Full PDB file with SEQRES, HELIX, SHEET, SSBOND, CRYST1, ORIGX, SCALE, CONECT and MASTER records, all heavy atoms in Angstrom:
SEQRES   1 A   35  PHE GLY GLY LEU THR GLN ALA PHE GLY SER ALA TRP ALA          
SEQRES   2 A   35  PHE GLY PHE SER ALA ALA CYS ALA VAL ALA ALA THR VAL          
SEQRES   3 A   35  LEU LEU ILE ALA THR VAL PRO ARG PRO                          
HELIX    1 AA1 GLY A    2  PHE A    8  1                                   7    
HELIX    2 AA2 SER A   10  THR A   31  1                                  22    
CRYST1    1.000    1.000    1.000  90.00  90.00  90.00 P 1           1          
ORIGX1      1.000000  0.000000  0.000000        0.00000                         
ORIGX2      0.000000  1.000000  0.000000        0.00000                         
ORIGX3      0.000000  0.000000  1.000000        0.00000                         
SCALE1      1.000000  0.000000  0.000000        0.00000                         
SCALE2      0.000000  1.000000  0.000000        0.00000                         
SCALE3      0.000000  0.000000  1.000000        0.00000                         
ATOM      1  N   PHE A   1     -21.142  86.967  -2.566  1.00  0.00           N  
ATOM      2  CA  PHE A   1     -22.005  87.541  -1.530  1.00  0.00           C  
ATOM      3  C   PHE A   1     -23.240  86.675  -1.320  1.00  0.00           C  
ATOM      4  O   PHE A   1     -23.619  86.366  -0.179  1.00  0.00           O  
ATOM      5  CB  PHE A   1     -22.407  88.962  -1.921  1.00  0.00           C  
ATOM      6  CG  PHE A   1     -23.063  89.733  -0.818  1.00  0.00           C  
ATOM      7  CD1 PHE A   1     -22.309  90.591  -0.037  1.00  0.00           C  
ATOM      8  CD2 PHE A   1     -24.419  89.618  -0.559  1.00  0.00           C  
ATOM      9  CE1 PHE A   1     -22.904  91.319   0.991  1.00  0.00           C  
ATOM     10  CE2 PHE A   1     -25.027  90.329   0.457  1.00  0.00           C  
ATOM     11  CZ  PHE A   1     -24.263  91.186   1.234  1.00  0.00           C  
ATOM     12  N   GLY A   2     -23.879  86.272  -2.418  1.00  0.00           N  
ATOM     13  CA  GLY A   2     -25.061  85.429  -2.292  1.00  0.00           C  
ATOM     14  C   GLY A   2     -24.754  84.080  -1.672  1.00  0.00           C  
ATOM     15  O   GLY A   2     -25.524  83.569  -0.845  1.00  0.00           O  
ATOM     16  N   GLY A   3     -23.603  83.486  -2.047  1.00  0.00           N  
ATOM     17  CA  GLY A   3     -23.218  82.200  -1.474  1.00  0.00           C  
ATOM     18  C   GLY A   3     -22.950  82.284   0.011  1.00  0.00           C  
ATOM     19  O   GLY A   3     -23.371  81.401   0.787  1.00  0.00           O  
ATOM     20  N   LEU A   4     -22.256  83.336   0.434  1.00  0.00           N  
ATOM     21  CA  LEU A   4     -21.974  83.514   1.866  1.00  0.00           C  
ATOM     22  C   LEU A   4     -23.261  83.750   2.650  1.00  0.00           C  
ATOM     23  O   LEU A   4     -23.420  83.237   3.769  1.00  0.00           O  
ATOM     24  CB  LEU A   4     -21.010  84.679   2.074  1.00  0.00           C  
ATOM     25  CG  LEU A   4     -19.557  84.443   1.654  1.00  0.00           C  
ATOM     26  CD1 LEU A   4     -18.751  85.734   1.767  1.00  0.00           C  
ATOM     27  CD2 LEU A   4     -18.916  83.356   2.523  1.00  0.00           C  
ATOM     28  N   THR A   5     -24.174  84.515   2.069  1.00  0.00           N  
ATOM     29  CA  THR A   5     -25.446  84.773   2.745  1.00  0.00           C  
ATOM     30  C   THR A   5     -26.226  83.482   2.942  1.00  0.00           C  
ATOM     31  O   THR A   5     -26.766  83.215   4.023  1.00  0.00           O  
ATOM     32  CB  THR A   5     -26.285  85.774   1.926  1.00  0.00           C  
ATOM     33  OG1 THR A   5     -25.577  87.003   1.786  1.00  0.00           O  
ATOM     34  CG2 THR A   5     -27.620  86.047   2.613  1.00  0.00           C  
ATOM     35  N   GLN A   6     -26.279  82.667   1.902  1.00  0.00           N  
ATOM     36  CA  GLN A   6     -27.047  81.421   1.978  1.00  0.00           C  
ATOM     37  C   GLN A   6     -26.399  80.413   2.923  1.00  0.00           C  
ATOM     38  O   GLN A   6     -27.099  79.696   3.649  1.00  0.00           O  
ATOM     39  CB  GLN A   6     -27.176  80.816   0.583  1.00  0.00           C  
ATOM     40  CG  GLN A   6     -28.063  79.575   0.526  1.00  0.00           C  
ATOM     41  CD  GLN A   6     -28.362  79.139  -0.902  1.00  0.00           C  
ATOM     42  OE1 GLN A   6     -28.198  79.907  -1.832  1.00  0.00           O  
ATOM     43  NE2 GLN A   6     -28.793  77.887  -1.068  1.00  0.00           N  
ATOM     44  N   ALA A   7     -25.054  80.362   2.939  1.00  0.00           N  
ATOM     45  CA  ALA A   7     -24.368  79.358   3.740  1.00  0.00           C  
ATOM     46  C   ALA A   7     -24.181  79.767   5.196  1.00  0.00           C  
ATOM     47  O   ALA A   7     -24.301  78.939   6.104  1.00  0.00           O  
ATOM     48  CB  ALA A   7     -23.011  79.041   3.110  1.00  0.00           C  
ATOM     49  N   PHE A   8     -23.869  81.048   5.429  1.00  0.00           N  
ATOM     50  CA  PHE A   8     -23.490  81.468   6.785  1.00  0.00           C  
ATOM     51  C   PHE A   8     -24.316  82.619   7.347  1.00  0.00           C  
ATOM     52  O   PHE A   8     -24.220  82.930   8.528  1.00  0.00           O  
ATOM     53  CB  PHE A   8     -22.006  81.880   6.805  1.00  0.00           C  
ATOM     54  CG  PHE A   8     -21.076  80.805   6.323  1.00  0.00           C  
ATOM     55  CD1 PHE A   8     -20.471  80.906   5.076  1.00  0.00           C  
ATOM     56  CD2 PHE A   8     -20.817  79.690   7.104  1.00  0.00           C  
ATOM     57  CE1 PHE A   8     -19.604  79.924   4.616  1.00  0.00           C  
ATOM     58  CE2 PHE A   8     -19.956  78.696   6.659  1.00  0.00           C  
ATOM     59  CZ  PHE A   8     -19.360  78.809   5.413  1.00  0.00           C  
ATOM     60  N   GLY A   9     -25.086  83.298   6.481  1.00  0.00           N  
ATOM     61  CA  GLY A   9     -25.886  84.417   6.974  1.00  0.00           C  
ATOM     62  C   GLY A   9     -25.369  85.762   6.483  1.00  0.00           C  
ATOM     63  O   GLY A   9     -24.248  85.887   5.975  1.00  0.00           O  
ATOM     64  N   SER A  10     -26.191  86.779   6.659  1.00  0.00           N  
ATOM     65  CA  SER A  10     -25.872  88.114   6.151  1.00  0.00           C  
ATOM     66  C   SER A  10     -24.628  88.714   6.789  1.00  0.00           C  
ATOM     67  O   SER A  10     -23.862  89.433   6.131  1.00  0.00           O  
ATOM     68  CB  SER A  10     -27.065  89.053   6.377  1.00  0.00           C  
ATOM     69  OG  SER A  10     -28.187  88.639   5.631  1.00  0.00           O  
ATOM     70  N   ALA A  11     -24.413  88.448   8.066  1.00  0.00           N  
ATOM     71  CA  ALA A  11     -23.272  89.064   8.752  1.00  0.00           C  
ATOM     72  C   ALA A  11     -21.953  88.671   8.092  1.00  0.00           C  
ATOM     73  O   ALA A  11     -21.059  89.514   7.926  1.00  0.00           O  
ATOM     74  CB  ALA A  11     -23.275  88.648  10.224  1.00  0.00           C  
ATOM     75  N   TRP A  12     -21.827  87.395   7.699  1.00  0.00           N  
ATOM     76  CA  TRP A  12     -20.593  86.949   7.049  1.00  0.00           C  
ATOM     77  C   TRP A  12     -20.429  87.584   5.667  1.00  0.00           C  
ATOM     78  O   TRP A  12     -19.334  87.988   5.282  1.00  0.00           O  
ATOM     79  CB  TRP A  12     -20.607  85.422   6.913  1.00  0.00           C  
ATOM     80  CG  TRP A  12     -20.217  84.732   8.180  1.00  0.00           C  
ATOM     81  CD1 TRP A  12     -21.043  84.303   9.175  1.00  0.00           C  
ATOM     82  CD2 TRP A  12     -18.889  84.395   8.597  1.00  0.00           C  
ATOM     83  NE1 TRP A  12     -20.329  83.727  10.190  1.00  0.00           N  
ATOM     84  CE2 TRP A  12     -18.996  83.763   9.862  1.00  0.00           C  
ATOM     85  CE3 TRP A  12     -17.627  84.561   8.030  1.00  0.00           C  
ATOM     86  CZ2 TRP A  12     -17.889  83.307  10.562  1.00  0.00           C  
ATOM     87  CZ3 TRP A  12     -16.517  84.088   8.722  1.00  0.00           C  
ATOM     88  CH2 TRP A  12     -16.650  83.479   9.960  1.00  0.00           C  
ATOM     89  N   ALA A  13     -21.524  87.697   4.934  1.00  0.00           N  
ATOM     90  CA  ALA A  13     -21.453  88.279   3.591  1.00  0.00           C  
ATOM     91  C   ALA A  13     -21.066  89.746   3.654  1.00  0.00           C  
ATOM     92  O   ALA A  13     -20.156  90.204   2.932  1.00  0.00           O  
ATOM     93  CB  ALA A  13     -22.803  88.113   2.886  1.00  0.00           C  
ATOM     94  N   PHE A  14     -21.732  90.511   4.513  1.00  0.00           N  
ATOM     95  CA  PHE A  14     -21.398  91.922   4.636  1.00  0.00           C  
ATOM     96  C   PHE A  14     -19.999  92.110   5.228  1.00  0.00           C  
ATOM     97  O   PHE A  14     -19.282  93.040   4.861  1.00  0.00           O  
ATOM     98  CB  PHE A  14     -22.439  92.641   5.498  1.00  0.00           C  
ATOM     99  CG  PHE A  14     -23.719  92.953   4.763  1.00  0.00           C  
ATOM    100  CD1 PHE A  14     -24.852  92.188   4.950  1.00  0.00           C  
ATOM    101  CD2 PHE A  14     -23.772  94.016   3.875  1.00  0.00           C  
ATOM    102  CE1 PHE A  14     -26.027  92.482   4.271  1.00  0.00           C  
ATOM    103  CE2 PHE A  14     -24.944  94.319   3.188  1.00  0.00           C  
ATOM    104  CZ  PHE A  14     -26.075  93.541   3.388  1.00  0.00           C  
ATOM    105  N   GLY A  15     -19.605  91.222   6.119  1.00  0.00           N  
ATOM    106  CA  GLY A  15     -18.270  91.311   6.689  1.00  0.00           C  
ATOM    107  C   GLY A  15     -17.182  91.051   5.660  1.00  0.00           C  
ATOM    108  O   GLY A  15     -16.150  91.732   5.642  1.00  0.00           O  
ATOM    109  N   PHE A  16     -17.404  90.062   4.767  1.00  0.00           N  
ATOM    110  CA  PHE A  16     -16.431  89.788   3.711  1.00  0.00           C  
ATOM    111  C   PHE A  16     -16.270  90.999   2.793  1.00  0.00           C  
ATOM    112  O   PHE A  16     -15.149  91.397   2.450  1.00  0.00           O  
ATOM    113  CB  PHE A  16     -16.876  88.573   2.898  1.00  0.00           C  
ATOM    114  CG  PHE A  16     -16.059  88.341   1.655  1.00  0.00           C  
ATOM    115  CD1 PHE A  16     -14.819  87.721   1.726  1.00  0.00           C  
ATOM    116  CD2 PHE A  16     -16.525  88.757   0.414  1.00  0.00           C  
ATOM    117  CE1 PHE A  16     -14.052  87.518   0.579  1.00  0.00           C  
ATOM    118  CE2 PHE A  16     -15.778  88.556  -0.738  1.00  0.00           C  
ATOM    119  CZ  PHE A  16     -14.533  87.946  -0.654  1.00  0.00           C  
ATOM    120  N   SER A  17     -17.382  91.592   2.377  1.00  0.00           N  
ATOM    121  CA  SER A  17     -17.317  92.740   1.481  1.00  0.00           C  
ATOM    122  C   SER A  17     -16.624  93.923   2.161  1.00  0.00           C  
ATOM    123  O   SER A  17     -15.833  94.644   1.532  1.00  0.00           O  
ATOM    124  CB  SER A  17     -18.722  93.144   1.030  1.00  0.00           C  
ATOM    125  OG  SER A  17     -19.284  92.146   0.205  1.00  0.00           O  
ATOM    126  N   ALA A  18     -16.918  94.135   3.445  1.00  0.00           N  
ATOM    127  CA  ALA A  18     -16.257  95.209   4.177  1.00  0.00           C  
ATOM    128  C   ALA A  18     -14.755  94.967   4.280  1.00  0.00           C  
ATOM    129  O   ALA A  18     -13.941  95.897   4.154  1.00  0.00           O  
ATOM    130  CB  ALA A  18     -16.866  95.340   5.573  1.00  0.00           C  
ATOM    131  N   ALA A  19     -14.362  93.701   4.481  1.00  0.00           N  
ATOM    132  CA  ALA A  19     -12.933  93.369   4.563  1.00  0.00           C  
ATOM    133  C   ALA A  19     -12.233  93.649   3.243  1.00  0.00           C  
ATOM    134  O   ALA A  19     -11.088  94.152   3.231  1.00  0.00           O  
ATOM    135  CB  ALA A  19     -12.765  91.901   4.959  1.00  0.00           C  
ATOM    136  N   CYS A  20     -12.885  93.326   2.123  1.00  0.00           N  
ATOM    137  CA  CYS A  20     -12.305  93.636   0.805  1.00  0.00           C  
ATOM    138  C   CYS A  20     -12.103  95.137   0.642  1.00  0.00           C  
ATOM    139  O   CYS A  20     -11.071  95.595   0.116  1.00  0.00           O  
ATOM    140  CB  CYS A  20     -13.207  93.102  -0.304  1.00  0.00           C  
ATOM    141  SG  CYS A  20     -13.200  91.305  -0.489  1.00  0.00           S  
ATOM    142  N   ALA A  21     -13.090  95.917   1.077  1.00  0.00           N  
ATOM    143  CA  ALA A  21     -12.991  97.370   0.946  1.00  0.00           C  
ATOM    144  C   ALA A  21     -11.846  97.921   1.796  1.00  0.00           C  
ATOM    145  O   ALA A  21     -11.086  98.786   1.342  1.00  0.00           O  
ATOM    146  CB  ALA A  21     -14.317  98.020   1.347  1.00  0.00           C  
ATOM    147  N   VAL A  22     -11.701  97.425   3.012  1.00  0.00           N  
ATOM    148  CA  VAL A  22     -10.623  97.900   3.891  1.00  0.00           C  
ATOM    149  C   VAL A  22      -9.270  97.482   3.330  1.00  0.00           C  
ATOM    150  O   VAL A  22      -8.319  98.287   3.305  1.00  0.00           O  
ATOM    151  CB  VAL A  22     -10.822  97.350   5.316  1.00  0.00           C  
ATOM    152  CG1 VAL A  22      -9.603  97.660   6.174  1.00  0.00           C  
ATOM    153  CG2 VAL A  22     -12.079  97.942   5.946  1.00  0.00           C  
ATOM    154  N   ALA A  23      -9.150  96.240   2.881  1.00  0.00           N  
ATOM    155  CA  ALA A  23      -7.882  95.774   2.314  1.00  0.00           C  
ATOM    156  C   ALA A  23      -7.507  96.584   1.075  1.00  0.00           C  
ATOM    157  O   ALA A  23      -6.338  96.956   0.884  1.00  0.00           O  
ATOM    158  CB  ALA A  23      -7.983  94.285   1.978  1.00  0.00           C  
ATOM    159  N   ALA A  24      -8.483  96.863   0.218  1.00  0.00           N  
ATOM    160  CA  ALA A  24      -8.219  97.664  -0.978  1.00  0.00           C  
ATOM    161  C   ALA A  24      -7.782  99.077  -0.602  1.00  0.00           C  
ATOM    162  O   ALA A  24      -6.892  99.657  -1.244  1.00  0.00           O  
ATOM    163  CB  ALA A  24      -9.462  97.707  -1.860  1.00  0.00           C  
ATOM    164  N   THR A  25      -8.381  99.630   0.446  1.00  0.00           N  
ATOM    165  CA  THR A  25      -8.003 100.969   0.901  1.00  0.00           C  
ATOM    166  C   THR A  25      -6.551 100.998   1.359  1.00  0.00           C  
ATOM    167  O   THR A  25      -5.785 101.909   1.006  1.00  0.00           O  
ATOM    168  CB  THR A  25      -8.919 101.421   2.048  1.00  0.00           C  
ATOM    169  OG1 THR A  25     -10.282 101.392   1.614  1.00  0.00           O  
ATOM    170  CG2 THR A  25      -8.573 102.821   2.504  1.00  0.00           C  
ATOM    171  N   VAL A  26      -6.165  99.991   2.140  1.00  0.00           N  
ATOM    172  CA  VAL A  26      -4.775  99.917   2.619  1.00  0.00           C  
ATOM    173  C   VAL A  26      -3.812  99.790   1.443  1.00  0.00           C  
ATOM    174  O   VAL A  26      -2.763 100.468   1.396  1.00  0.00           O  
ATOM    175  CB  VAL A  26      -4.611  98.733   3.598  1.00  0.00           C  
ATOM    176  CG1 VAL A  26      -3.140  98.535   3.956  1.00  0.00           C  
ATOM    177  CG2 VAL A  26      -5.450  98.968   4.856  1.00  0.00           C  
ATOM    178  N   LEU A  27      -4.128  98.936   0.486  1.00  0.00           N  
ATOM    179  CA  LEU A  27      -3.257  98.753  -0.679  1.00  0.00           C  
ATOM    180  C   LEU A  27      -3.198 100.011  -1.537  1.00  0.00           C  
ATOM    181  O   LEU A  27      -2.143 100.334  -2.102  1.00  0.00           O  
ATOM    182  CB  LEU A  27      -3.757  97.578  -1.515  1.00  0.00           C  
ATOM    183  CG  LEU A  27      -3.504  96.191  -0.935  1.00  0.00           C  
ATOM    184  CD1 LEU A  27      -4.116  95.124  -1.822  1.00  0.00           C  
ATOM    185  CD2 LEU A  27      -2.006  95.929  -0.775  1.00  0.00           C  
ATOM    186  N   LEU A  28      -4.309 100.720  -1.658  1.00  0.00           N  
ATOM    187  CA  LEU A  28      -4.302 101.967  -2.427  1.00  0.00           C  
ATOM    188  C   LEU A  28      -3.337 102.974  -1.803  1.00  0.00           C  
ATOM    189  O   LEU A  28      -2.558 103.625  -2.504  1.00  0.00           O  
ATOM    190  CB  LEU A  28      -5.715 102.550  -2.477  1.00  0.00           C  
ATOM    191  CG  LEU A  28      -5.869 103.858  -3.258  1.00  0.00           C  
ATOM    192  CD1 LEU A  28      -5.624 103.631  -4.741  1.00  0.00           C  
ATOM    193  CD2 LEU A  28      -7.262 104.459  -3.039  1.00  0.00           C  
ATOM    194  N   ILE A  29      -3.377 103.086  -0.489  1.00  0.00           N  
ATOM    195  CA  ILE A  29      -2.485 104.020   0.209  1.00  0.00           C  
ATOM    196  C   ILE A  29      -1.036 103.584   0.083  1.00  0.00           C  
ATOM    197  O   ILE A  29      -0.136 104.404  -0.145  1.00  0.00           O  
ATOM    198  CB  ILE A  29      -2.891 104.120   1.700  1.00  0.00           C  
ATOM    199  CG1 ILE A  29      -4.301 104.719   1.829  1.00  0.00           C  
ATOM    200  CG2 ILE A  29      -1.879 104.968   2.468  1.00  0.00           C  
ATOM    201  CD1 ILE A  29      -4.847 104.666   3.243  1.00  0.00           C  
ATOM    202  N   ALA A  30      -0.793 102.272   0.200  1.00  0.00           N  
ATOM    203  CA  ALA A  30       0.573 101.772   0.308  1.00  0.00           C  
ATOM    204  C   ALA A  30       1.259 101.570  -1.042  1.00  0.00           C  
ATOM    205  O   ALA A  30       2.490 101.713  -1.135  1.00  0.00           O  
ATOM    206  CB  ALA A  30       0.580 100.457   1.086  1.00  0.00           C  
ATOM    207  N   THR A  31       0.501 101.238  -2.089  1.00  0.00           N  
ATOM    208  CA  THR A  31       1.154 100.799  -3.334  1.00  0.00           C  
ATOM    209  C   THR A  31       0.930 101.710  -4.536  1.00  0.00           C  
ATOM    210  O   THR A  31       1.648 101.591  -5.531  1.00  0.00           O  
ATOM    211  CB  THR A  31       0.678  99.382  -3.722  1.00  0.00           C  
ATOM    212  OG1 THR A  31      -0.716  99.413  -4.056  1.00  0.00           O  
ATOM    213  CG2 THR A  31       0.897  98.411  -2.576  1.00  0.00           C  
ATOM    214  N   VAL A  32      -0.065 102.577  -4.474  1.00  0.00           N  
ATOM    215  CA  VAL A  32      -0.367 103.441  -5.627  1.00  0.00           C  
ATOM    216  C   VAL A  32       0.072 104.867  -5.313  1.00  0.00           C  
ATOM    217  O   VAL A  32      -0.559 105.537  -4.509  1.00  0.00           O  
ATOM    218  CB  VAL A  32      -1.870 103.407  -5.978  1.00  0.00           C  
ATOM    219  CG1 VAL A  32      -2.151 104.296  -7.191  1.00  0.00           C  
ATOM    220  CG2 VAL A  32      -2.330 101.979  -6.242  1.00  0.00           C  
ATOM    221  N   PRO A  33       1.150 105.331  -5.936  1.00  0.00           N  
ATOM    222  CA  PRO A  33       1.634 106.679  -5.643  1.00  0.00           C  
ATOM    223  C   PRO A  33       0.728 107.740  -6.236  1.00  0.00           C  
ATOM    224  O   PRO A  33      -0.047 107.486  -7.169  1.00  0.00           O  
ATOM    225  CB  PRO A  33       3.015 106.698  -6.304  1.00  0.00           C  
ATOM    226  CG  PRO A  33       2.902 105.729  -7.428  1.00  0.00           C  
ATOM    227  CD  PRO A  33       1.981 104.646  -6.938  1.00  0.00           C  
ATOM    228  N   ARG A  34       0.820 108.925  -5.693  1.00  0.00           N  
ATOM    229  CA  ARG A  34       0.096 110.064  -6.267  1.00  0.00           C  
ATOM    230  C   ARG A  34       0.636 110.309  -7.670  1.00  0.00           C  
ATOM    231  O   ARG A  34       1.848 110.438  -7.859  1.00  0.00           O  
ATOM    232  CB  ARG A  34       0.299 111.312  -5.407  1.00  0.00           C  
ATOM    233  CG  ARG A  34      -0.474 112.550  -5.904  1.00  0.00           C  
ATOM    234  CD  ARG A  34      -0.107 113.760  -5.078  1.00  0.00           C  
ATOM    235  NE  ARG A  34      -0.523 113.579  -3.693  1.00  0.00           N  
ATOM    236  CZ  ARG A  34      -1.693 113.943  -3.197  1.00  0.00           C  
ATOM    237  NH1 ARG A  34      -2.579 114.504  -4.008  1.00  0.00           N  
ATOM    238  NH2 ARG A  34      -1.988 113.755  -1.932  1.00  0.00           N  
ATOM    239  N   PRO A  35      -0.209 110.373  -8.691  1.00  0.00           N  
ATOM    240  CA  PRO A  35       0.287 110.480 -10.064  1.00  0.00           C  
ATOM    241  C   PRO A  35       0.930 111.835 -10.333  1.00  0.00           C  
ATOM    242  O   PRO A  35       0.479 112.874  -9.839  1.00  0.00           O  
ATOM    243  CB  PRO A  35      -0.971 110.292 -10.910  1.00  0.00           C  
ATOM    244  CG  PRO A  35      -2.088 110.730 -10.025  1.00  0.00           C  
ATOM    245  CD  PRO A  35      -1.675 110.328  -8.633  1.00  0.00           C  
TER     246      PRO A  35                                                      
MASTER        0    0    0    2    0    0    0    6  245    1    0    3          
END                                                                             
């Protein structure tokens, strides 16, 4: 996050973190069954 902020600005850093959260959400729904 700090590297992206310094190199490209806050928008890229926050966008990367948001993308990780969305991707993790999709994988949680698709790959982790209800126990």
